[in-house]
Amino acid sequence: QVQLAESGGGLVQAGGSLRLSCVTSGLTSNTWIMGWFRQAPGKEREFVAAIKRSAGSTLYAGSVKGRFTISRDNAANTVYLQMDSLKPEDTAVYYCAGTLDRWINLPSSRNAYDYWGQGTQVTVSS
């Protein structure tokens, strides 16, 4: 059974930082792409970042590029999202997601991801 569990969310002031973690279990394949999405109240769930197992290939949404960094520790079955220079518009529930690496390019569509965590709340105050 595949499980993804996020942690690390919280309340932070604008300009601050948070690091989210996603611990995975049941992903026995060595070829999983991991992604982060977020959903603000009243909005669609949107792509944030994705990373291949090799960690040499990453993809970011334009709104977070240069501020957020996705990384992974394959030995620990954990994916991280380092969020710096946070803005109030980054406030959302952040979700970890996984998909088999069957894509030519890193996918940014939520429909491409097969497994999801329960989410962790990030609130950025102004």
PDB file of N, CA and C in Angstrom:
ATOM      1  N   GLN A   1       0.843  -1.186   0.000  1.00  0.00           N
ATOM      2  CA  GLN A   1       0.000   0.000   0.000  1.00  0.00           C
ATOM      3  C   GLN A   1       0.885   1.245   0.000  1.00  0.00           C
ATOM      4  N   VAL A   2       0.611   2.146  -0.925  1.00  0.00           N
ATOM      5  CA  VAL A   2       1.397   3.365  -1.041  1.00  0.00           C
ATOM      6  C   VAL A   2       0.852   4.425  -0.093  1.00  0.00           C
ATOM      7  N   GLN A   3       1.756   5.027   0.660  1.00  0.00           N
ATOM      8  CA  GLN A   3       1.362   6.111   1.545  1.00  0.00           C
ATOM      9  C   GLN A   3       2.357   7.253   1.435  1.00  0.00           C
ATOM     10  N   LEU A   4       1.831   8.466   1.446  1.00  0.00           N
ATOM     11  CA  LEU A   4       2.650   9.672   1.437  1.00  0.00           C
ATOM     12  C   LEU A   4       2.207  10.524   2.615  1.00  0.00           C
ATOM     13  N   ALA A   5       3.143  10.991   3.406  1.00  0.00           N
ATOM     14  CA  ALA A   5       2.811  11.760   4.594  1.00  0.00           C
ATOM     15  C   ALA A   5       3.630  13.043   4.649  1.00  0.00           C
ATOM     16  N   GLU A   6       2.934  14.177   4.545  1.00  0.00           N
ATOM     17  CA  GLU A   6       3.612  15.472   4.590  1.00  0.00           C
ATOM     18  C   GLU A   6       3.720  15.984   6.019  1.00  0.00           C
ATOM     19  N   SER A   7       4.724  16.804   6.248  1.00  0.00           N
ATOM     20  CA  SER A   7       4.888  17.490   7.521  1.00  0.00           C
ATOM     21  C   SER A   7       5.696  18.757   7.290  1.00  0.00           C
ATOM     22  N   GLY A   8       5.722  19.622   8.304  1.00  0.00           N
ATOM     23  CA  GLY A   8       6.556  20.814   8.234  1.00  0.00           C
ATOM     24  C   GLY A   8       5.813  22.102   7.981  1.00  0.00           C
ATOM     25  N   GLY A   9       4.501  22.018   7.767  1.00  0.00           N
ATOM     26  CA  GLY A   9       3.745  23.239   7.555  1.00  0.00           C
ATOM     27  C   GLY A   9       3.617  24.046   8.838  1.00  0.00           C
ATOM     28  N   GLY A  10       3.095  25.256   8.694  1.00  0.00           N
ATOM     29  CA  GLY A  10       2.918  26.097   9.864  1.00  0.00           C
ATOM     30  C   GLY A  10       2.649  27.531   9.480  1.00  0.00           C
ATOM     31  N   LEU A  11       2.757  28.409  10.475  1.00  0.00           N
ATOM     32  CA  LEU A  11       2.545  29.843  10.282  1.00  0.00           C
ATOM     33  C   LEU A  11       3.892  30.546  10.284  1.00  0.00           C
ATOM     34  N   VAL A  12       4.103  31.382   9.281  1.00  0.00           N
ATOM     35  CA  VAL A  12       5.369  32.097   9.157  1.00  0.00           C
ATOM     36  C   VAL A  12       5.088  33.489   8.628  1.00  0.00           C
ATOM     37  N   GLN A  13       5.941  34.432   8.980  1.00  0.00           N
ATOM     38  CA  GLN A  13       5.792  35.792   8.470  1.00  0.00           C
ATOM     39  C   GLN A  13       6.339  35.895   7.047  1.00  0.00           C
ATOM     40  N   ALA A  14       5.833  36.845   6.316  1.00  0.00           N
ATOM     41  CA  ALA A  14       6.326  37.097   4.963  1.00  0.00           C
ATOM     42  C   ALA A  14       7.837  37.309   5.004  1.00  0.00           C
ATOM     43  N   GLY A  15       8.521  36.714   4.045  1.00  0.00           N
ATOM     44  CA  GLY A  15       9.971  36.778   3.993  1.00  0.00           C
ATOM     45  C   GLY A  15      10.657  35.621   4.702  1.00  0.00           C
ATOM     46  N   GLY A  16       9.894  34.859   5.455  1.00  0.00           N
ATOM     47  CA  GLY A  16      10.447  33.737   6.202  1.00  0.00           C
ATOM     48  C   GLY A  16      10.579  32.480   5.364  1.00  0.00           C
ATOM     49  N   SER A  17      10.967  31.393   6.035  1.00  0.00           N
ATOM     50  CA  SER A  17      11.220  30.123   5.363  1.00  0.00           C
ATOM     51  C   SER A  17      10.534  28.978   6.098  1.00  0.00           C
ATOM     52  N   LEU A  18      10.231  27.943   5.340  1.00  0.00           N
ATOM     53  CA  LEU A  18       9.739  26.684   5.888  1.00  0.00           C
ATOM     54  C   LEU A  18      10.305  25.567   5.024  1.00  0.00           C
ATOM     55  N   ARG A  19      10.467  24.397   5.634  1.00  0.00           N
ATOM     56  CA  ARG A  19      10.843  23.221   4.859  1.00  0.00           C
ATOM     57  C   ARG A  19       9.796  22.138   5.072  1.00  0.00           C
ATOM     58  N   LEU A  20       9.174  21.730   3.993  1.00  0.00           N
ATOM     59  CA  LEU A  20       8.205  20.643   4.027  1.00  0.00           C
ATOM     60  C   LEU A  20       8.897  19.325   3.734  1.00  0.00           C
ATOM     61  N   SER A  21       8.396  18.276   4.375  1.00  0.00           N
ATOM     62  CA  SER A  21       8.910  16.927   4.139  1.00  0.00           C
ATOM     63  C   SER A  21       7.761  16.021   3.723  1.00  0.00           C
ATOM     64  N   CYS A  22       8.083  15.041   2.900  1.00  0.00           N
ATOM     65  CA  CYS A  22       7.107  14.039   2.486  1.00  0.00           C
ATOM     66  C   CYS A  22       7.781  12.672   2.580  1.00  0.00           C
ATOM     67  N   VAL A  23       7.332  11.886   3.539  1.00  0.00           N
ATOM     68  CA  VAL A  23       7.870  10.540   3.707  1.00  0.00           C
ATOM     69  C   VAL A  23       6.974   9.569   2.954  1.00  0.00           C
ATOM     70  N   THR A  24       7.576   8.717   2.138  1.00  0.00           N
ATOM     71  CA  THR A  24       6.811   7.783   1.327  1.00  0.00           C
ATOM     72  C   THR A  24       7.030   6.361   1.808  1.00  0.00           C
ATOM     73  N   SER A  25       6.015   5.532   1.623  1.00  0.00           N
ATOM     74  CA  SER A  25       6.140   4.107   1.890  1.00  0.00           C
ATOM     75  C   SER A  25       5.356   3.357   0.829  1.00  0.00           C
ATOM     76  N   GLY A  26       5.835   2.172   0.496  1.00  0.00           N
ATOM     77  CA  GLY A  26       5.149   1.361  -0.498  1.00  0.00           C
ATOM     78  C   GLY A  26       5.521   1.670  -1.931  1.00  0.00           C
ATOM     79  N   LEU A  27       6.395   2.633  -2.144  1.00  0.00           N
ATOM     80  CA  LEU A  27       6.845   2.938  -3.505  1.00  0.00           C
ATOM     81  C   LEU A  27       8.089   2.115  -3.773  1.00  0.00           C
ATOM     82  N   THR A  28       7.894   0.889  -4.199  1.00  0.00           N
ATOM     83  CA  THR A  28       9.022  -0.026  -4.344  1.00  0.00           C
ATOM     84  C   THR A  28       9.797   0.194  -5.621  1.00  0.00           C
ATOM     85  N   SER A  29       9.194   0.841  -6.586  1.00  0.00           N
ATOM     86  CA  SER A  29       9.910   1.096  -7.834  1.00  0.00           C
ATOM     87  C   SER A  29      10.980   2.143  -7.626  1.00  0.00           C
ATOM     88  N   ASN A  30      12.052   2.010  -8.372  1.00  0.00           N
ATOM     89  CA  ASN A  30      13.121   3.007  -8.306  1.00  0.00           C
ATOM     90  C   ASN A  30      12.913   4.145  -9.281  1.00  0.00           C
ATOM     91  N   THR A  31      11.782   4.133  -9.970  1.00  0.00           N
ATOM     92  CA  THR A  31      11.581   5.157 -10.992  1.00  0.00           C
ATOM     93  C   THR A  31      10.330   5.968 -10.713  1.00  0.00           C
ATOM     94  N   TRP A  32      10.298   6.603  -9.571  1.00  0.00           N
ATOM     95  CA  TRP A  32       9.177   7.469  -9.222  1.00  0.00           C
ATOM     96  C   TRP A  32       9.557   8.928  -9.353  1.00  0.00           C
ATOM     97  N   ILE A  33       8.650   9.684  -9.958  1.00  0.00           N
ATOM     98  CA  ILE A  33       8.736  11.140  -9.952  1.00  0.00           C
ATOM     99  C   ILE A  33       7.906  11.625  -8.768  1.00  0.00           C
ATOM    100  N   MET A  34       8.452  12.581  -8.017  1.00  0.00           N
ATOM    101  CA  MET A  34       7.724  13.144  -6.892  1.00  0.00           C
ATOM    102  C   MET A  34       7.447  14.617  -7.161  1.00  0.00           C
ATOM    103  N   GLY A  35       6.289  15.061  -6.744  1.00  0.00           N
ATOM    104  CA  GLY A  35       5.904  16.450  -6.967  1.00  0.00           C
ATOM    105  C   GLY A  35       5.262  17.075  -5.755  1.00  0.00           C
ATOM    106  N   TRP A  36       5.218  18.389  -5.764  1.00  0.00           N
ATOM    107  CA  TRP A  36       4.487  19.165  -4.756  1.00  0.00           C
ATOM    108  C   TRP A  36       3.448  20.017  -5.474  1.00  0.00           C
ATOM    109  N   PHE A  37       2.265  20.027  -4.909  1.00  0.00           N
ATOM    110  CA  PHE A  37       1.176  20.870  -5.389  1.00  0.00           C
ATOM    111  C   PHE A  37       0.661  21.678  -4.206  1.00  0.00           C
ATOM    112  N   ARG A  38      -0.157  22.683  -4.495  1.00  0.00           N
ATOM    113  CA  ARG A  38      -0.775  23.452  -3.413  1.00  0.00           C
ATOM    114  C   ARG A  38      -2.166  23.902  -3.835  1.00  0.00           C
ATOM    115  N   GLN A  39      -2.999  24.099  -2.820  1.00  0.00           N
ATOM    116  CA  GLN A  39      -4.362  24.525  -3.076  1.00  0.00           C
ATOM    117  C   GLN A  39      -4.767  25.575  -2.051  1.00  0.00           C
ATOM    118  N   ALA A  40      -5.036  26.770  -2.539  1.00  0.00           N
ATOM    119  CA  ALA A  40      -5.508  27.858  -1.694  1.00  0.00           C
ATOM    120  C   ALA A  40      -7.037  27.823  -1.644  1.00  0.00           C
ATOM    121  N   PRO A  41      -7.639  28.396  -0.615  1.00  0.00           N
ATOM    122  CA  PRO A  41      -9.101  28.385  -0.504  1.00  0.00           C
ATOM    123  C   PRO A  41      -9.769  28.983  -1.738  1.00  0.00           C
ATOM    124  N   GLY A  42     -10.725  28.252  -2.291  1.00  0.00           N
ATOM    125  CA  GLY A  42     -11.460  28.730  -3.446  1.00  0.00           C
ATOM    126  C   GLY A  42     -10.736  28.642  -4.768  1.00  0.00           C
ATOM    127  N   LYS A  43      -9.556  28.019  -4.756  1.00  0.00           N
ATOM    128  CA  LYS A  43      -8.761  27.921  -5.993  1.00  0.00           C
ATOM    129  C   LYS A  43      -8.500  26.465  -6.360  1.00  0.00           C
ATOM    130  N   GLU A  44      -8.096  26.271  -7.607  1.00  0.00           N
ATOM    131  CA  GLU A  44      -7.740  24.941  -8.078  1.00  0.00           C
ATOM    132  C   GLU A  44      -6.385  24.531  -7.488  1.00  0.00           C
ATOM    133  N   ARG A  45      -6.199  23.229  -7.386  1.00  0.00           N
ATOM    134  CA  ARG A  45      -4.898  22.727  -6.955  1.00  0.00           C
ATOM    135  C   ARG A  45      -3.893  23.005  -8.068  1.00  0.00           C
ATOM    136  N   GLU A  46      -2.756  23.574  -7.709  1.00  0.00           N
ATOM    137  CA  GLU A  46      -1.781  23.964  -8.723  1.00  0.00           C
ATOM    138  C   GLU A  46      -0.419  23.340  -8.470  1.00  0.00           C
ATOM    139  N   PHE A  47       0.292  23.166  -9.547  1.00  0.00           N
ATOM    140  CA  PHE A  47       1.630  22.582  -9.509  1.00  0.00           C
ATOM    141  C   PHE A  47       2.612  23.545  -8.872  1.00  0.00           C
ATOM    142  N   VAL A  48       3.533  22.998  -8.084  1.00  0.00           N
ATOM    143  CA  VAL A  48       4.594  23.791  -7.469  1.00  0.00           C
ATOM    144  C   VAL A  48       5.964  23.357  -7.977  1.00  0.00           C
ATOM    145  N   ALA A  49       6.261  22.068  -7.849  1.00  0.00           N
ATOM    146  CA  ALA A  49       7.586  21.583  -8.244  1.00  0.00           C
ATOM    147  C   ALA A  49       7.552  20.072  -8.405  1.00  0.00           C
ATOM    148  N   ALA A  50       8.517  19.543  -9.173  1.00  0.00           N
ATOM    149  CA  ALA A  50       8.643  18.102  -9.355  1.00  0.00           C
ATOM    150  C   ALA A  50      10.111  17.737  -9.501  1.00  0.00           C
ATOM    151  N   ILE A  51      10.418  16.473  -9.197  1.00  0.00           N
ATOM    152  CA  ILE A  51      11.800  16.024  -9.250  1.00  0.00           C
ATOM    153  C   ILE A  51      11.851  14.550  -9.649  1.00  0.00           C
ATOM    154  N   LYS A  52      12.836  14.200 -10.465  1.00  0.00           N
ATOM    155  CA  LYS A  52      13.065  12.810 -10.822  1.00  0.00           C
ATOM    156  C   LYS A  52      13.896  12.138  -9.727  1.00  0.00           C
ATOM    157  N   ARG A  53      13.936  10.816  -9.759  1.00  0.00           N
ATOM    158  CA  ARG A  53      14.682  10.086  -8.744  1.00  0.00           C
ATOM    159  C   ARG A  53      16.150  10.501  -8.736  1.00  0.00           C
ATOM    160  N   SER A  54      16.703  10.739  -9.920  1.00  0.00           N
ATOM    161  CA  SER A  54      18.115  11.087 -10.002  1.00  0.00           C
ATOM    162  C   SER A  54      18.415  12.440  -9.387  1.00  0.00           C
ATOM    163  N   ALA A  55      17.353  13.242  -9.171  1.00  0.00           N
ATOM    164  CA  ALA A  55      17.473  14.584  -8.592  1.00  0.00           C
ATOM    165  C   ALA A  55      18.224  15.539  -9.517  1.00  0.00           C
ATOM    166  N   GLY A  56      18.673  15.044 -10.666  1.00  0.00           N
ATOM    167  CA  GLY A  56      19.331  15.939 -11.600  1.00  0.00           C
ATOM    168  C   GLY A  56      18.348  16.707 -12.445  1.00  0.00           C
ATOM    169  N   SER A  57      17.078  16.315 -12.390  1.00  0.00           N
ATOM    170  CA  SER A  57      16.056  16.949 -13.195  1.00  0.00           C
ATOM    171  C   SER A  57      14.942  17.450 -12.290  1.00  0.00           C
ATOM    172  N   THR A  58      14.698  18.752 -12.354  1.00  0.00           N
ATOM    173  CA  THR A  58      13.654  19.372 -11.555  1.00  0.00           C
ATOM    174  C   THR A  58      12.836  20.322 -12.426  1.00  0.00           C
ATOM    175  N   LEU A  59      11.642  20.641 -11.936  1.00  0.00           N
ATOM    176  CA  LEU A  59      10.753  21.553 -12.648  1.00  0.00           C
ATOM    177  C   LEU A  59      10.039  22.392 -11.599  1.00  0.00           C
ATOM    178  N   TYR A  60       9.891  23.677 -11.877  1.00  0.00           N
ATOM    179  CA  TYR A  60       9.232  24.582 -10.939  1.00  0.00           C
ATOM    180  C   TYR A  60       8.169  25.411 -11.647  1.00  0.00           C
ATOM    181  N   ALA A  61       7.141  25.740 -10.898  1.00  0.00           N
ATOM    182  CA  ALA A  61       6.178  26.719 -11.381  1.00  0.00           C
ATOM    183  C   ALA A  61       6.852  28.087 -11.391  1.00  0.00           C
ATOM    184  N   GLY A  62       6.450  28.919 -12.334  1.00  0.00           N
ATOM    185  CA  GLY A  62       7.067  30.228 -12.446  1.00  0.00           C
ATOM    186  C   GLY A  62       6.936  31.076 -11.189  1.00  0.00           C
ATOM    187  N   SER A  63       5.835  30.876 -10.463  1.00  0.00           N
ATOM    188  CA  SER A  63       5.566  31.697  -9.286  1.00  0.00           C
ATOM    189  C   SER A  63       6.489  31.382  -8.107  1.00  0.00           C
ATOM    190  N   VAL A  64       7.164  30.237  -8.148  1.00  0.00           N
ATOM    191  CA  VAL A  64       8.032  29.854  -7.030  1.00  0.00           C
ATOM    192  C   VAL A  64       9.489  29.707  -7.444  1.00  0.00           C
ATOM    193  N   LYS A  65       9.771  29.751  -8.718  1.00  0.00           N
ATOM    194  CA  LYS A  65      11.138  29.559  -9.195  1.00  0.00           C
ATOM    195  C   LYS A  65      12.066  30.602  -8.594  1.00  0.00           C
ATOM    196  N   GLY A  66      13.175  30.129  -8.077  1.00  0.00           N
ATOM    197  CA  GLY A  66      14.128  31.025  -7.444  1.00  0.00           C
ATOM    198  C   GLY A  66      13.901  31.208  -5.952  1.00  0.00           C
ATOM    199  N   ARG A  67      12.726  30.792  -5.458  1.00  0.00           N
ATOM    200  CA  ARG A  67      12.420  30.892  -4.021  1.00  0.00           C
ATOM    201  C   ARG A  67      12.278  29.520  -3.369  1.00  0.00           C
ATOM    202  N   PHE A  68      11.765  28.542  -4.112  1.00  0.00           N
ATOM    203  CA  PHE A  68      11.546  27.203  -3.582  1.00  0.00           C
ATOM    204  C   PHE A  68      12.567  26.241  -4.191  1.00  0.00           C
ATOM    205  N   THR A  69      12.941  25.228  -3.422  1.00  0.00           N
ATOM    206  CA  THR A  69      13.857  24.203  -3.900  1.00  0.00           C
ATOM    207  C   THR A  69      13.327  22.829  -3.529  1.00  0.00           C
ATOM    208  N   ILE A  70      13.164  21.961  -4.527  1.00  0.00           N
ATOM    209  CA  ILE A  70      12.736  20.589  -4.276  1.00  0.00           C
ATOM    210  C   ILE A  70      13.967  19.692  -4.262  1.00  0.00           C
ATOM    211  N   SER A  71      13.972  18.729  -3.343  1.00  0.00           N
ATOM    212  CA  SER A  71      15.085  17.786  -3.273  1.00  0.00           C
ATOM    213  C   SER A  71      14.552  16.465  -2.738  1.00  0.00           C
ATOM    214  N   ARG A  72      15.381  15.427  -2.803  1.00  0.00           N
ATOM    215  CA  ARG A  72      14.930  14.129  -2.311  1.00  0.00           C
ATOM    216  C   ARG A  72      16.097  13.356  -1.731  1.00  0.00           C
ATOM    217  N   ASP A  73      15.788  12.549  -0.746  1.00  0.00           N
ATOM    218  CA  ASP A  73      16.736  11.628  -0.142  1.00  0.00           C
ATOM    219  C   ASP A  73      16.170  10.234  -0.389  1.00  0.00           C
ATOM    220  N   ASN A  74      16.663   9.569  -1.425  1.00  0.00           N
ATOM    221  CA  ASN A  74      16.091   8.275  -1.805  1.00  0.00           C
ATOM    222  C   ASN A  74      16.284   7.214  -0.716  1.00  0.00           C
ATOM    223  N   ALA A  75      17.396   7.276  -0.032  1.00  0.00           N
ATOM    224  CA  ALA A  75      17.654   6.299   1.027  1.00  0.00           C
ATOM    225  C   ALA A  75      16.648   6.437   2.165  1.00  0.00           C
ATOM    226  N   ALA A  76      16.194   7.666   2.398  1.00  0.00           N
ATOM    227  CA  ALA A  76      15.241   7.925   3.472  1.00  0.00           C
ATOM    228  C   ALA A  76      13.807   7.970   2.968  1.00  0.00           C
ATOM    229  N   ASN A  77      13.613   7.718   1.684  1.00  0.00           N
ATOM    230  CA  ASN A  77      12.268   7.765   1.083  1.00  0.00           C
ATOM    231  C   ASN A  77      11.556   9.073   1.410  1.00  0.00           C
ATOM    232  N   THR A  78      12.283  10.164   1.276  1.00  0.00           N
ATOM    233  CA  THR A  78      11.744  11.467   1.657  1.00  0.00           C
ATOM    234  C   THR A  78      12.004  12.502   0.570  1.00  0.00           C
ATOM    235  N   VAL A  79      11.002  13.316   0.323  1.00  0.00           N
ATOM    236  CA  VAL A  79      11.111  14.443  -0.593  1.00  0.00           C
ATOM    237  C   VAL A  79      10.910  15.717   0.220  1.00  0.00           C
ATOM    238  N   TYR A  80      11.682  16.729  -0.114  1.00  0.00           N
ATOM    239  CA  TYR A  80      11.624  17.994   0.624  1.00  0.00           C
ATOM    240  C   TYR A  80      11.222  19.154  -0.293  1.00  0.00           C
ATOM    241  N   LEU A  81      10.634  20.144   0.304  1.00  0.00           N
ATOM    242  CA  LEU A  81      10.387  21.405  -0.398  1.00  0.00           C
ATOM    243  C   LEU A  81      10.849  22.527   0.523  1.00  0.00           C
ATOM    244  N   GLN A  82      11.992  23.111   0.191  1.00  0.00           N
ATOM    245  CA  GLN A  82      12.512  24.253   0.930  1.00  0.00           C
ATOM    246  C   GLN A  82      11.883  25.512   0.361  1.00  0.00           C
ATOM    247  N   MET A  83      11.204  26.262   1.214  1.00  0.00           N
ATOM    248  CA  MET A  83      10.483  27.458   0.765  1.00  0.00           C
ATOM    249  C   MET A  83      11.096  28.676   1.442  1.00  0.00           C
ATOM    250  N   ASP A  84      11.687  29.535   0.652  1.00  0.00           N
ATOM    251  CA  ASP A  84      12.305  30.765   1.155  1.00  0.00           C
ATOM    252  C   ASP A  84      11.580  31.980   0.600  1.00  0.00           C
ATOM    253  N   SER A  85      11.820  33.126   1.221  1.00  0.00           N
ATOM    254  CA  SER A  85      11.197  34.384   0.781  1.00  0.00           C
ATOM    255  C   SER A  85       9.696  34.222   0.586  1.00  0.00           C
ATOM    256  N   LEU A  86       9.066  33.614   1.571  1.00  0.00           N
ATOM    257  CA  LEU A  86       7.640  33.320   1.458  1.00  0.00           C
ATOM    258  C   LEU A  86       6.802  34.591   1.387  1.00  0.00           C
ATOM    259  N   LYS A  87       5.723  34.483   0.626  1.00  0.00           N
ATOM    260  CA  LYS A  87       4.796  35.597   0.424  1.00  0.00           C
ATOM    261  C   LYS A  87       3.403  35.178   0.902  1.00  0.00           C
ATOM    262  N   PRO A  88       2.562  36.141   1.244  1.00  0.00           N
ATOM    263  CA  PRO A  88       1.193  35.774   1.652  1.00  0.00           C
ATOM    264  C   PRO A  88       0.461  34.949   0.609  1.00  0.00           C
ATOM    265  N   GLU A  89       0.760  35.180  -0.657  1.00  0.00           N
ATOM    266  CA  GLU A  89       0.090  34.407  -1.714  1.00  0.00           C
ATOM    267  C   GLU A  89       0.562  32.966  -1.791  1.00  0.00           C
ATOM    268  N   ASP A  90       1.564  32.607  -1.017  1.00  0.00           N
ATOM    269  CA  ASP A  90       1.991  31.204  -0.928  1.00  0.00           C
ATOM    270  C   ASP A  90       1.124  30.426   0.057  1.00  0.00           C
ATOM    271  N   THR A  91       0.236  31.103   0.759  1.00  0.00           N
ATOM    272  CA  THR A  91      -0.647  30.439   1.721  1.00  0.00           C
ATOM    273  C   THR A  91      -1.541  29.429   1.014  1.00  0.00           C
ATOM    274  N   ALA A  92      -1.486  28.190   1.488  1.00  0.00           N
ATOM    275  CA  ALA A  92      -2.243  27.100   0.858  1.00  0.00           C
ATOM    276  C   ALA A  92      -2.009  25.818   1.645  1.00  0.00           C
ATOM    277  N   VAL A  93      -2.779  24.803   1.291  1.00  0.00           N
ATOM    278  CA  VAL A  93      -2.470  23.440   1.729  1.00  0.00           C
ATOM    279  C   VAL A  93      -1.531  22.851   0.682  1.00  0.00           C
ATOM    280  N   TYR A  94      -0.413  22.336   1.142  1.00  0.00           N
ATOM    281  CA  TYR A  94       0.593  21.774   0.251  1.00  0.00           C
ATOM    282  C   TYR A  94       0.504  20.248   0.263  1.00  0.00           C
ATOM    283  N   TYR A  95       0.487  19.680  -0.936  1.00  0.00           N
ATOM    284  CA  TYR A  95       0.342  18.239  -1.096  1.00  0.00           C
ATOM    285  C   TYR A  95       1.569  17.648  -1.790  1.00  0.00           C
ATOM    286  N   CYS A  96       1.951  16.485  -1.316  1.00  0.00           N
ATOM    287  CA  CYS A  96       2.992  15.696  -1.957  1.00  0.00           C
ATOM    288  C   CYS A  96       2.296  14.687  -2.880  1.00  0.00           C
ATOM    289  N   ALA A  97       2.913  14.401  -4.028  1.00  0.00           N
ATOM    290  CA  ALA A  97       2.308  13.467  -4.976  1.00  0.00           C
ATOM    291  C   ALA A  97       3.392  12.649  -5.679  1.00  0.00           C
ATOM    292  N   GLY A  98       3.003  11.457  -6.143  1.00  0.00           N
ATOM    293  CA  GLY A  98       3.962  10.590  -6.804  1.00  0.00           C
ATOM    294  C   GLY A  98       3.387   9.969  -8.064  1.00  0.00           C
ATOM    295  N   THR A  99       4.264   9.749  -9.052  1.00  0.00           N
ATOM    296  CA  THR A  99       3.874   9.090 -10.283  1.00  0.00           C
ATOM    297  C   THR A  99       5.056   8.294 -10.815  1.00  0.00           C
ATOM    298  N   LEU A 100       4.773   7.181 -11.483  1.00  0.00           N
ATOM    299  CA  LEU A 100       5.839   6.420 -12.120  1.00  0.00           C
ATOM    300  C   LEU A 100       6.480   7.253 -13.220  1.00  0.00           C
ATOM    301  N   ASP A 101       7.778   7.087 -13.391  1.00  0.00           N
ATOM    302  CA  ASP A 101       8.507   7.869 -14.385  1.00  0.00           C
ATOM    303  C   ASP A 101       8.255   7.312 -15.777  1.00  0.00           C
ATOM    304  N   ARG A 102       7.104   7.607 -16.317  1.00  0.00           N
ATOM    305  CA  ARG A 102       6.712   7.152 -17.652  1.00  0.00           C
ATOM    306  C   ARG A 102       6.554   8.329 -18.606  1.00  0.00           C
ATOM    307  N   TRP A 103       7.061   9.481 -18.186  1.00  0.00           N
ATOM    308  CA  TRP A 103       6.859  10.717 -18.938  1.00  0.00           C
ATOM    309  C   TRP A 103       8.156  11.170 -19.620  1.00  0.00           C
ATOM    310  N   ILE A 104       8.007  11.745 -20.792  1.00  0.00           N
ATOM    311  CA  ILE A 104       9.160  12.306 -21.485  1.00  0.00           C
ATOM    312  C   ILE A 104       9.689  13.503 -20.711  1.00  0.00           C
ATOM    313  N   ASN A 105       8.785  14.362 -20.284  1.00  0.00           N
ATOM    314  CA  ASN A 105       9.141  15.533 -19.483  1.00  0.00           C
ATOM    315  C   ASN A 105       8.500  15.414 -18.105  1.00  0.00           C
ATOM    316  N   LEU A 106       9.045  16.086 -17.127  1.00  0.00           N
ATOM    317  CA  LEU A 106       8.448  16.098 -15.797  1.00  0.00           C
ATOM    318  C   LEU A 106       7.030  16.658 -15.893  1.00  0.00           C
ATOM    319  N   PRO A 107       6.053  15.933 -15.365  1.00  0.00           N
ATOM    320  CA  PRO A 107       4.661  16.376 -15.488  1.00  0.00           C
ATOM    321  C   PRO A 107       4.290  17.440 -14.464  1.00  0.00           C
ATOM    322  N   SER A 108       3.510  18.419 -14.908  1.00  0.00           N
ATOM    323  CA  SER A 108       3.020  19.454 -14.002  1.00  0.00           C
ATOM    324  C   SER A 108       1.505  19.369 -13.816  1.00  0.00           C
ATOM    325  N   SER A 109       0.866  18.457 -14.536  1.00  0.00           N
ATOM    326  CA  SER A 109      -0.580  18.290 -14.404  1.00  0.00           C
ATOM    327  C   SER A 109      -0.886  17.380 -13.227  1.00  0.00           C
ATOM    328  N   ARG A 110      -1.842  17.771 -12.407  1.00  0.00           N
ATOM    329  CA  ARG A 110      -2.205  16.932 -11.265  1.00  0.00           C
ATOM    330  C   ARG A 110      -2.769  15.593 -11.715  1.00  0.00           C
ATOM    331  N   ASN A 111      -3.320  15.539 -12.928  1.00  0.00           N
ATOM    332  CA  ASN A 111      -3.879  14.295 -13.441  1.00  0.00           C
ATOM    333  C   ASN A 111      -2.808  13.245 -13.728  1.00  0.00           C
ATOM    334  N   ALA A 112      -1.568  13.680 -13.821  1.00  0.00           N
ATOM    335  CA  ALA A 112      -0.477  12.750 -14.104  1.00  0.00           C
ATOM    336  C   ALA A 112      -0.016  11.991 -12.867  1.00  0.00           C
ATOM    337  N   TYR A 113      -0.422  12.442 -11.702  1.00  0.00           N
ATOM    338  CA  TYR A 113       0.058  11.864 -10.451  1.00  0.00           C
ATOM    339  C   TYR A 113      -0.940  10.863  -9.889  1.00  0.00           C
ATOM    340  N   ASP A 114      -0.401   9.714  -9.451  1.00  0.00           N
ATOM    341  CA  ASP A 114      -1.241   8.601  -9.040  1.00  0.00           C
ATOM    342  C   ASP A 114      -1.520   8.573  -7.544  1.00  0.00           C
ATOM    343  N   TYR A 115      -0.594   9.063  -6.762  1.00  0.00           N
ATOM    344  CA  TYR A 115      -0.718   8.963  -5.310  1.00  0.00           C
ATOM    345  C   TYR A 115      -0.528  10.331  -4.671  1.00  0.00           C
ATOM    346  N   TRP A 116      -1.297  10.560  -3.595  1.00  0.00           N
ATOM    347  CA  TRP A 116      -1.303  11.852  -2.936  1.00  0.00           C
ATOM    348  C   TRP A 116      -1.254  11.706  -1.428  1.00  0.00           C
ATOM    349  N   GLY A 117      -0.627  12.684  -0.778  1.00  0.00           N
ATOM    350  CA  GLY A 117      -0.682  12.763   0.666  1.00  0.00           C
ATOM    351  C   GLY A 117      -1.905  13.538   1.102  1.00  0.00           C
ATOM    352  N   GLN A 118      -2.039  13.702   2.416  1.00  0.00           N
ATOM    353  CA  GLN A 118      -3.203  14.381   2.983  1.00  0.00           C
ATOM    354  C   GLN A 118      -3.045  15.893   3.018  1.00  0.00           C
ATOM    355  N   GLY A 119      -1.837  16.361   2.870  1.00  0.00           N
ATOM    356  CA  GLY A 119      -1.605  17.802   2.829  1.00  0.00           C
ATOM    357  C   GLY A 119      -1.162  18.382   4.157  1.00  0.00           C
ATOM    358  N   THR A 120      -0.456  19.495   4.071  1.00  0.00           N
ATOM    359  CA  THR A 120      -0.024  20.232   5.259  1.00  0.00           C
ATOM    360  C   THR A 120      -0.243  21.717   5.007  1.00  0.00           C
ATOM    361  N   GLN A 121      -0.787  22.405   6.012  1.00  0.00           N
ATOM    362  CA  GLN A 121      -1.168  23.807   5.850  1.00  0.00           C
ATOM    363  C   GLN A 121       0.048  24.716   6.013  1.00  0.00           C
ATOM    364  N   VAL A 122       0.192  25.637   5.067  1.00  0.00           N
ATOM    365  CA  VAL A 122       1.205  26.682   5.159  1.00  0.00           C
ATOM    366  C   VAL A 122       0.483  28.022   5.129  1.00  0.00           C
ATOM    367  N   THR A 123       0.719  28.828   6.144  1.00  0.00           N
ATOM    368  CA  THR A 123       0.099  30.145   6.225  1.00  0.00           C
ATOM    369  C   THR A 123       1.188  31.196   6.361  1.00  0.00           C
ATOM    370  N   VAL A 124       1.167  32.165   5.454  1.00  0.00           N
ATOM    371  CA  VAL A 124       2.161  33.231   5.466  1.00  0.00           C
ATOM    372  C   VAL A 124       1.450  34.540   5.793  1.00  0.00           C
ATOM    373  N   SER A 125       1.828  35.151   6.885  1.00  0.00           N
ATOM    374  CA  SER A 125       1.196  36.406   7.305  1.00  0.00           C
ATOM    375  C   SER A 125       1.969  37.601   6.771  1.00  0.00           C
ATOM    376  N   SER A 126       1.253  38.666   6.495  1.00  0.00           N
ATOM    377  CA  SER A 126       1.891  39.865   5.942  1.00  0.00           C
ATOM    378  C   SER A 126       2.360  40.809   7.038  1.00  0.00           C
TER     379      SER A 126
END
